[in-house]
Amino acid sequence: MDHTTGTTQKEEMKMIEKNNTTFHEKQRLRQVWIWILMIFPTIIVWYIAIQELLFNNPVGNSNASNQMIFVFWLGFGILFPLFFYKLKLITSVRQDGVYVRFVPFHFSF
């Protein structure tokens, strides 16, 4: 089952045949170099959050409140990597044109 659209493989194949699709492709951002570039800032944010929030040990000249560090950790430590994990590019070639969908920005073709 495709968790982003809620359709199964069989339903998706029926939809492809119904739309007279010549070519259909899904791409995800699973390249190692992208995740390596993204993991370093994520690790830094996790380190700062753990030091500041759990051990109450200020990192650097920290003037940020615990609430601000928590919001930073939530945004860049959890939501940003999750956002990259969910990115998907769907390309469909039909008789009437080429359709491109970049999930989560485009909800339909």
Protein backbone atom coordinates (compact mmCIF):
# COMPACT_ATOMS: atom_id res chain seq x y z
CA MET A 1 0.00 0.00 0.00
CA ASP A 2 1.23 3.47 -0.86
CA HIS A 3 0.96 5.40 2.42
CA THR A 4 1.09 8.82 0.76
CA THR A 5 -1.96 8.28 -1.45
CA GLY A 6 -3.64 5.38 0.35
CA THR A 7 -3.81 3.23 -2.78
CA THR A 8 -2.64 -0.33 -3.25
CA GLN A 9 -0.41 -1.52 -6.08
CA LYS A 10 -3.36 -3.17 -7.84
CA GLU A 11 -5.51 -0.02 -7.64
CA GLU A 12 -2.61 2.06 -8.93
CA MET A 13 -2.11 -0.25 -11.92
CA LYS A 14 -5.84 0.01 -12.76
CA MET A 15 -5.56 3.79 -12.57
CA ILE A 16 -2.53 3.73 -14.89
CA GLU A 17 -4.40 1.58 -17.44
CA LYS A 18 -7.52 3.76 -17.15
CA ASN A 19 -5.55 6.97 -17.79
CA ASN A 20 -3.85 5.36 -20.81
CA THR A 21 -0.43 5.87 -19.28
CA THR A 22 2.59 5.04 -21.41
CA PHE A 23 5.18 5.43 -18.64
CA HIS A 24 4.92 5.80 -14.86
CA GLU A 25 7.81 6.25 -12.45
CA LYS A 26 8.28 7.01 -8.74
CA GLN A 27 11.51 8.40 -7.35
CA ARG A 28 12.43 8.92 -3.72
CA LEU A 29 15.34 10.79 -2.18
CA ARG A 30 17.22 7.77 -0.87
CA GLN A 31 20.70 8.65 -2.12
CA VAL A 32 23.35 8.21 0.54
CA TRP A 33 25.07 11.54 -0.11
CA ILE A 34 21.84 13.47 0.54
CA TRP A 35 21.32 11.70 3.84
CA ILE A 36 24.96 12.25 4.84
CA LEU A 37 24.58 15.98 4.19
CA MET A 38 21.37 16.07 6.18
CA ILE A 39 22.46 13.89 9.10
CA PHE A 40 25.26 16.22 10.31
CA PRO A 41 23.00 19.20 11.16
CA THR A 42 20.48 16.77 12.64
CA ILE A 43 23.11 15.25 14.93
CA ILE A 44 24.24 18.72 16.04
CA VAL A 45 20.66 19.71 16.89
CA TRP A 46 20.11 16.46 18.80
CA TYR A 47 23.38 17.00 20.72
CA ILE A 48 22.45 20.56 21.70
CA ALA A 49 18.94 19.52 22.70
CA ILE A 50 20.17 16.65 24.86
CA GLN A 51 22.83 18.77 26.55
CA GLU A 52 20.52 21.72 27.19
CA LEU A 53 17.22 20.01 27.95
CA LEU A 54 18.21 16.76 29.66
CA PHE A 55 21.51 17.61 31.35
CA ASN A 56 20.86 21.36 31.79
CA ASN A 57 24.39 21.95 30.48
CA PRO A 58 24.60 25.10 28.30
CA VAL A 59 26.36 24.66 24.96
CA GLY A 60 28.39 27.70 23.93
CA ASN A 61 27.02 31.14 24.73
CA SER A 62 23.47 29.87 24.85
CA ASN A 63 20.92 32.61 25.35
CA ALA A 64 18.05 30.50 24.06
CA SER A 65 15.30 29.34 26.38
CA ASN A 66 14.45 25.70 26.79
CA GLN A 67 11.24 26.25 24.82
CA MET A 68 13.19 27.68 21.89
CA ILE A 69 15.65 24.78 21.92
CA PHE A 70 12.74 22.33 22.04
CA VAL A 71 11.12 23.99 19.01
CA PHE A 72 14.47 23.94 17.18
CA TRP A 73 14.92 20.26 18.03
CA LEU A 74 11.38 19.43 16.92
CA GLY A 75 11.78 21.29 13.62
CA PHE A 76 15.32 20.39 12.60
CA GLY A 77 15.86 17.21 14.59
CA ILE A 78 12.62 15.41 13.73
CA LEU A 79 10.39 17.16 11.19
CA PHE A 80 13.10 18.15 8.67
CA PRO A 81 14.50 14.58 8.30
CA LEU A 82 10.94 13.20 8.20
CA PHE A 83 10.08 15.70 5.46
CA PHE A 84 13.04 14.54 3.36
CA TYR A 85 12.09 10.92 3.94
CA LYS A 86 8.57 11.57 2.63
CA LEU A 87 9.64 13.46 -0.54
CA LYS A 88 8.65 11.65 -3.72
CA LEU A 89 8.68 12.57 -7.41
CA ILE A 90 6.05 10.88 -9.58
CA THR A 91 6.29 11.17 -13.36
CA SER A 92 3.59 9.92 -15.68
CA VAL A 93 3.63 10.05 -19.47
CA ARG A 94 0.18 9.87 -21.05
CA GLN A 95 -1.16 10.45 -24.51
CA ASP A 96 -2.22 13.98 -23.62
CA GLY A 97 1.07 15.05 -22.00
CA VAL A 98 3.70 14.58 -19.32
CA TYR A 99 2.54 14.86 -15.71
CA VAL A 100 4.90 15.53 -12.83
CA ARG A 101 3.92 15.42 -9.17
CA PHE A 102 6.28 16.31 -6.34
CA VAL A 103 4.82 14.97 -3.11
CA PRO A 104 4.09 16.70 -0.64
CA PHE A 105 3.87 19.93 -2.68
CA HIS A 106 1.46 18.70 -5.37
CA PHE A 107 -1.60 16.81 -4.21
CA SER A 108 -2.69 15.61 -7.66
CA PHE A 109 -1.61 15.73 -11.30
